[in-house]
Structures are given as structure tokens and as C-alpha cells.
Amino acid sequence: MKIWVAVLAIIGGLAGLASGFVVTAFGTGFGENDMANDGATVFWLSALAIFMGFLSWKFHKIGGIALMLIAIYGFFANGLFFIVAFIFLLLAGILAFRIKQTPKPDMTSV
């Protein structure tokens, strides 16, 4: 389960990086500063999402909530350009809550 969270976060993050770059480029090209700023914000949040996918191995709830918040913000900021990234990041955030904690072996009974 851990591996799937990281894989989905990487795929979603890469799709978000592409989405953020495209929206930033079009916003700059058409002279829309707000569009360019939103695209740049989503670009950097998508880079953070890749990191959060691996961080969720240790901190399940924080990583899952962060991935879902990035997915929702990116969808509202970039719209349909972000739909692929939204799906993968949302799935990664949901799966992060399902990671089971492995118990540490008890070394006192040896």
C-alpha cells in the first residue's frame, strides 16, 4: 500500500507540474497575470505533492490531508488542465489513510 501512495503521488505530481507549466505559459502569453500566478502556484504545489507522497509513509494523516488539499486547490486554480493530477493526488491522499502501522519487534523478550 505504501508504494501505491508514492507512485500515485509521483504521477499526480508530474501531471500537476505539466499543468502548472502550461497554465503559467498561457497566462504569460495572453497577458493574464492572475492566470500565470495560479499556474506557478500549482506548479510548486505539485512539486511538494511528490515529496508529500513519500512523507505520508511516516506521517499518514498529515500526508493524506496535504495531498487531498493540493488536489482540491489545484483543481480550483487550474481547472480542467489539472484533472489528471487531481484524480491521482486524490487517490494517493485517500490511500495514505489506509497505510497500516507495522509494529516494532519487542527486543526485551530475547
N, C-alpha and C. Protein backbone atom coordinates (compact mmCIF):
# COMPACT_ATOMS: atom_id res chain seq x y z
N MET A 1 0.83 -1.20 0.00
CA MET A 1 0.00 0.00 0.00
C MET A 1 0.86 1.26 0.00
N LYS A 2 2.00 1.21 0.73
CA LYS A 2 2.87 2.37 0.78
C LYS A 2 3.38 2.76 -0.61
N ILE A 3 3.74 1.75 -1.37
CA ILE A 3 4.31 2.01 -2.69
C ILE A 3 3.28 2.70 -3.58
N TRP A 4 2.01 2.28 -3.48
CA TRP A 4 0.98 2.88 -4.33
C TRP A 4 0.77 4.35 -4.02
N VAL A 5 0.87 4.72 -2.76
CA VAL A 5 0.72 6.13 -2.40
C VAL A 5 1.82 6.96 -3.06
N ALA A 6 3.05 6.46 -2.99
CA ALA A 6 4.17 7.19 -3.58
C ALA A 6 4.05 7.24 -5.11
N VAL A 7 3.67 6.11 -5.72
CA VAL A 7 3.56 6.07 -7.18
C VAL A 7 2.46 7.01 -7.66
N LEU A 8 1.30 6.97 -7.01
CA LEU A 8 0.21 7.85 -7.40
C LEU A 8 0.56 9.32 -7.16
N ALA A 9 1.29 9.60 -6.07
CA ALA A 9 1.70 10.99 -5.81
C ALA A 9 2.71 11.46 -6.85
N ILE A 10 3.61 10.57 -7.28
CA ILE A 10 4.58 10.95 -8.31
C ILE A 10 3.87 11.22 -9.64
N ILE A 11 2.97 10.32 -10.04
CA ILE A 11 2.24 10.51 -11.29
C ILE A 11 1.39 11.78 -11.23
N GLY A 12 0.67 11.97 -10.13
CA GLY A 12 -0.13 13.18 -9.97
C GLY A 12 0.71 14.43 -9.91
N GLY A 13 1.86 14.35 -9.23
CA GLY A 13 2.75 15.50 -9.15
C GLY A 13 3.33 15.88 -10.50
N LEU A 14 3.72 14.88 -11.28
CA LEU A 14 4.25 15.16 -12.62
C LEU A 14 3.17 15.75 -13.53
N ALA A 15 1.96 15.22 -13.43
CA ALA A 15 0.86 15.79 -14.23
C ALA A 15 0.56 17.21 -13.77
N GLY A 16 0.64 17.46 -12.46
CA GLY A 16 0.44 18.81 -11.94
C GLY A 16 1.54 19.77 -12.35
N LEU A 17 2.78 19.27 -12.41
CA LEU A 17 3.88 20.11 -12.90
C LEU A 17 3.64 20.53 -14.34
N ALA A 18 3.21 19.58 -15.16
CA ALA A 18 2.92 19.91 -16.56
C ALA A 18 1.75 20.89 -16.66
N SER A 19 0.71 20.66 -15.85
CA SER A 19 -0.45 21.54 -15.84
C SER A 19 -0.07 22.95 -15.42
N GLY A 20 0.71 23.04 -14.34
CA GLY A 20 1.14 24.35 -13.86
C GLY A 20 2.00 25.08 -14.87
N PHE A 21 2.87 24.35 -15.55
CA PHE A 21 3.70 24.97 -16.58
C PHE A 21 2.87 25.49 -17.74
N VAL A 22 1.91 24.67 -18.20
CA VAL A 22 1.08 25.08 -19.33
C VAL A 22 0.23 26.30 -18.98
N VAL A 23 -0.37 26.30 -17.81
CA VAL A 23 -1.22 27.42 -17.41
C VAL A 23 -0.37 28.68 -17.21
N THR A 24 0.83 28.52 -16.65
CA THR A 24 1.72 29.67 -16.50
C THR A 24 2.13 30.24 -17.86
N ALA A 25 2.47 29.34 -18.77
CA ALA A 25 2.90 29.78 -20.10
C ALA A 25 1.76 30.49 -20.84
N PHE A 26 0.57 29.91 -20.81
CA PHE A 26 -0.57 30.56 -21.47
C PHE A 26 -0.95 31.86 -20.79
N GLY A 27 -0.88 31.91 -19.47
CA GLY A 27 -1.19 33.15 -18.76
C GLY A 27 -0.22 34.26 -19.10
N THR A 28 1.05 33.91 -19.21
CA THR A 28 2.05 34.90 -19.59
C THR A 28 1.87 35.32 -21.05
N GLY A 29 1.59 34.34 -21.91
CA GLY A 29 1.42 34.63 -23.33
C GLY A 29 0.23 35.51 -23.63
N PHE A 30 -0.85 35.33 -22.88
CA PHE A 30 -2.05 36.12 -23.11
C PHE A 30 -2.12 37.36 -22.24
N GLY A 31 -1.10 37.58 -21.40
CA GLY A 31 -1.07 38.77 -20.57
C GLY A 31 -1.97 38.70 -19.36
N GLU A 32 -2.35 37.52 -18.96
CA GLU A 32 -3.19 37.34 -17.77
C GLU A 32 -2.31 37.02 -16.57
N ASN A 33 -2.04 38.02 -15.75
CA ASN A 33 -1.14 37.82 -14.62
C ASN A 33 -1.72 36.89 -13.56
N ASP A 34 -3.03 36.97 -13.31
CA ASP A 34 -3.64 36.09 -12.32
C ASP A 34 -3.55 34.63 -12.75
N MET A 35 -3.76 34.38 -14.02
CA MET A 35 -3.66 33.01 -14.55
C MET A 35 -2.23 32.50 -14.43
N ALA A 36 -1.26 33.33 -14.73
CA ALA A 36 0.15 32.94 -14.63
C ALA A 36 0.53 32.68 -13.18
N ASN A 37 0.03 33.49 -12.26
CA ASN A 37 0.34 33.28 -10.84
C ASN A 37 -0.27 31.99 -10.32
N ASP A 38 -1.52 31.70 -10.71
CA ASP A 38 -2.16 30.45 -10.29
C ASP A 38 -1.41 29.24 -10.84
N GLY A 39 -0.99 29.33 -12.09
CA GLY A 39 -0.24 28.23 -12.68
C GLY A 39 1.09 27.99 -11.99
N ALA A 40 1.77 29.06 -11.62
CA ALA A 40 3.04 28.93 -10.92
C ALA A 40 2.84 28.34 -9.53
N THR A 41 1.78 28.75 -8.86
CA THR A 41 1.49 28.20 -7.53
C THR A 41 1.20 26.71 -7.62
N VAL A 42 0.42 26.31 -8.60
CA VAL A 42 0.10 24.89 -8.77
C VAL A 42 1.36 24.11 -9.16
N PHE A 43 2.23 24.70 -9.94
CA PHE A 43 3.49 24.06 -10.31
C PHE A 43 4.29 23.69 -9.06
N TRP A 44 4.46 24.65 -8.16
CA TRP A 44 5.27 24.38 -6.96
C TRP A 44 4.54 23.49 -5.96
N LEU A 45 3.22 23.60 -5.89
CA LEU A 45 2.47 22.69 -5.01
C LEU A 45 2.53 21.25 -5.54
N SER A 46 2.59 21.09 -6.83
CA SER A 46 2.72 19.75 -7.40
C SER A 46 4.09 19.16 -7.09
N ALA A 47 5.11 19.98 -7.11
CA ALA A 47 6.43 19.50 -6.69
C ALA A 47 6.40 19.10 -5.21
N LEU A 48 5.69 19.84 -4.40
CA LEU A 48 5.54 19.50 -2.99
C LEU A 48 4.73 18.21 -2.82
N ALA A 49 3.78 17.96 -3.71
CA ALA A 49 2.96 16.75 -3.62
C ALA A 49 3.79 15.49 -3.80
N ILE A 50 4.80 15.55 -4.65
CA ILE A 50 5.68 14.39 -4.82
C ILE A 50 6.39 14.09 -3.51
N PHE A 51 6.88 15.12 -2.85
CA PHE A 51 7.53 14.95 -1.55
C PHE A 51 6.54 14.44 -0.50
N MET A 52 5.32 14.95 -0.53
CA MET A 52 4.31 14.54 0.46
C MET A 52 3.92 13.07 0.29
N GLY A 53 4.02 12.55 -0.93
CA GLY A 53 3.74 11.14 -1.15
C GLY A 53 4.69 10.24 -0.36
N PHE A 54 5.94 10.65 -0.30
CA PHE A 54 6.91 9.87 0.48
C PHE A 54 6.82 10.19 1.96
N LEU A 55 6.47 11.41 2.31
CA LEU A 55 6.32 11.78 3.71
C LEU A 55 5.14 11.06 4.35
N SER A 56 4.16 10.69 3.54
CA SER A 56 2.98 10.01 4.09
C SER A 56 3.30 8.59 4.55
N TRP A 57 4.46 8.06 4.21
CA TRP A 57 4.84 6.75 4.74
C TRP A 57 5.02 6.81 6.24
N LYS A 58 5.52 7.92 6.73
CA LYS A 58 5.76 8.07 8.17
C LYS A 58 4.59 8.78 8.86
N PHE A 59 4.10 9.84 8.24
CA PHE A 59 3.00 10.62 8.82
C PHE A 59 1.78 10.46 7.92
N HIS A 60 0.98 9.43 8.20
CA HIS A 60 -0.11 9.04 7.32
C HIS A 60 -1.17 10.13 7.16
N LYS A 61 -1.65 10.63 8.27
CA LYS A 61 -2.77 11.59 8.22
C LYS A 61 -2.33 12.94 7.66
N ILE A 62 -1.18 13.42 8.08
CA ILE A 62 -0.70 14.71 7.58
C ILE A 62 -0.45 14.64 6.08
N GLY A 63 0.21 13.57 5.64
CA GLY A 63 0.49 13.41 4.21
C GLY A 63 -0.78 13.26 3.39
N GLY A 64 -1.74 12.47 3.90
CA GLY A 64 -3.01 12.28 3.18
C GLY A 64 -3.81 13.55 3.07
N ILE A 65 -3.89 14.29 4.16
CA ILE A 65 -4.64 15.56 4.13
C ILE A 65 -3.96 16.55 3.19
N ALA A 66 -2.63 16.62 3.24
CA ALA A 66 -1.90 17.55 2.37
C ALA A 66 -2.10 17.19 0.90
N LEU A 67 -2.06 15.91 0.57
CA LEU A 67 -2.26 15.50 -0.82
C LEU A 67 -3.66 15.85 -1.31
N MET A 68 -4.65 15.65 -0.46
CA MET A 68 -6.02 15.97 -0.85
C MET A 68 -6.23 17.48 -0.98
N LEU A 69 -5.62 18.26 -0.09
CA LEU A 69 -5.74 19.72 -0.19
C LEU A 69 -5.05 20.26 -1.44
N ILE A 70 -3.90 19.70 -1.77
CA ILE A 70 -3.21 20.12 -3.00
C ILE A 70 -4.06 19.77 -4.21
N ALA A 71 -4.68 18.59 -4.19
CA ALA A 71 -5.53 18.17 -5.32
C ALA A 71 -6.72 19.11 -5.48
N ILE A 72 -7.36 19.45 -4.39
CA ILE A 72 -8.55 20.31 -4.47
C ILE A 72 -8.16 21.73 -4.88
N TYR A 73 -7.09 22.27 -4.29
CA TYR A 73 -6.67 23.62 -4.67
C TYR A 73 -6.25 23.67 -6.14
N GLY A 74 -5.50 22.68 -6.57
CA GLY A 74 -5.05 22.65 -7.96
C GLY A 74 -6.20 22.58 -8.94
N PHE A 75 -7.25 21.84 -8.57
CA PHE A 75 -8.41 21.73 -9.44
C PHE A 75 -9.13 23.07 -9.56
N PHE A 76 -9.25 23.79 -8.44
CA PHE A 76 -9.91 25.09 -8.49
C PHE A 76 -9.05 26.15 -9.18
N ALA A 77 -7.73 26.06 -9.01
CA ALA A 77 -6.85 27.08 -9.60
C ALA A 77 -6.64 26.86 -11.10
N ASN A 78 -6.43 25.61 -11.52
CA ASN A 78 -6.11 25.33 -12.92
C ASN A 78 -7.26 24.73 -13.71
N GLY A 79 -8.31 24.33 -13.05
CA GLY A 79 -9.47 23.80 -13.76
C GLY A 79 -9.21 22.46 -14.42
N LEU A 80 -9.73 22.30 -15.62
CA LEU A 80 -9.65 21.02 -16.31
C LEU A 80 -8.24 20.65 -16.74
N PHE A 81 -7.32 21.59 -16.76
CA PHE A 81 -5.93 21.25 -17.05
C PHE A 81 -5.36 20.33 -15.97
N PHE A 82 -5.92 20.39 -14.79
CA PHE A 82 -5.40 19.68 -13.62
C PHE A 82 -6.16 18.38 -13.35
N ILE A 83 -7.10 17.96 -14.19
CA ILE A 83 -7.99 16.84 -13.86
C ILE A 83 -7.23 15.53 -13.68
N VAL A 84 -6.23 15.25 -14.49
CA VAL A 84 -5.47 14.01 -14.35
C VAL A 84 -4.71 14.01 -13.02
N ALA A 85 -4.06 15.12 -12.73
CA ALA A 85 -3.33 15.24 -11.47
C ALA A 85 -4.29 15.18 -10.29
N PHE A 86 -5.48 15.78 -10.44
CA PHE A 86 -6.47 15.75 -9.37
C PHE A 86 -6.86 14.32 -9.02
N ILE A 87 -7.10 13.50 -10.01
CA ILE A 87 -7.51 12.11 -9.77
C ILE A 87 -6.41 11.35 -9.03
N PHE A 88 -5.18 11.44 -9.53
CA PHE A 88 -4.09 10.68 -8.92
C PHE A 88 -3.75 11.18 -7.52
N LEU A 89 -3.74 12.49 -7.31
CA LEU A 89 -3.42 13.02 -5.99
C LEU A 89 -4.52 12.74 -4.98
N LEU A 90 -5.77 12.78 -5.43
CA LEU A 90 -6.87 12.46 -4.52
C LEU A 90 -6.83 11.00 -4.12
N LEU A 91 -6.56 10.11 -5.06
CA LEU A 91 -6.44 8.69 -4.73
C LEU A 91 -5.26 8.43 -3.79
N ALA A 92 -4.14 9.10 -4.02
CA ALA A 92 -2.99 8.95 -3.14
C ALA A 92 -3.31 9.44 -1.73
N GLY A 93 -4.03 10.54 -1.63
CA GLY A 93 -4.42 11.06 -0.31
C GLY A 93 -5.35 10.12 0.42
N ILE A 94 -6.28 9.52 -0.29
CA ILE A 94 -7.20 8.57 0.35
C ILE A 94 -6.47 7.31 0.77
N LEU A 95 -5.58 6.81 -0.09
CA LEU A 95 -4.83 5.60 0.26
C LEU A 95 -3.84 5.84 1.40
N ALA A 96 -3.40 7.06 1.59
CA ALA A 96 -2.47 7.36 2.68
C ALA A 96 -3.11 7.08 4.04
N PHE A 97 -4.42 7.23 4.13
CA PHE A 97 -5.10 6.94 5.39
C PHE A 97 -5.20 5.45 5.66
N ARG A 98 -5.00 4.62 4.63
CA ARG A 98 -5.14 3.18 4.78
C ARG A 98 -3.82 2.47 5.03
N ILE A 99 -2.72 3.22 5.13
CA ILE A 99 -1.42 2.61 5.43
C ILE A 99 -1.44 2.11 6.87
N LYS A 100 -1.12 0.86 7.02
CA LYS A 100 -1.12 0.28 8.37
C LYS A 100 0.25 0.45 9.02
N GLN A 101 0.22 0.74 10.29
CA GLN A 101 1.45 0.90 11.06
C GLN A 101 2.01 -0.48 11.37
N THR A 102 3.27 -0.73 11.04
CA THR A 102 3.89 -2.01 11.36
C THR A 102 4.48 -1.95 12.75
N PRO A 103 4.13 -2.93 13.59
CA PRO A 103 4.66 -2.90 14.96
C PRO A 103 6.15 -3.21 14.99
N LYS A 104 6.84 -2.55 15.88
CA LYS A 104 8.27 -2.79 16.04
C LYS A 104 8.46 -4.05 16.88
N PRO A 105 9.47 -4.85 16.55
CA PRO A 105 9.69 -6.08 17.33
C PRO A 105 10.12 -5.75 18.76
N ASP A 106 9.65 -6.57 19.68
CA ASP A 106 9.96 -6.37 21.09
C ASP A 106 11.30 -7.03 21.39
N MET A 107 12.30 -6.25 21.67
CA MET A 107 13.65 -6.78 21.89
C MET A 107 13.90 -7.15 23.34
N THR A 108 12.98 -6.88 24.24
CA THR A 108 13.19 -7.19 25.65
C THR A 108 12.97 -8.66 25.95
N SER A 109 12.25 -9.38 25.11
CA SER A 109 11.96 -10.79 25.38
C SER A 109 12.99 -11.73 24.79
N VAL A 110 14.05 -11.19 24.19
CA VAL A 110 15.07 -12.04 23.57
C VAL A 110 16.07 -12.47 24.57
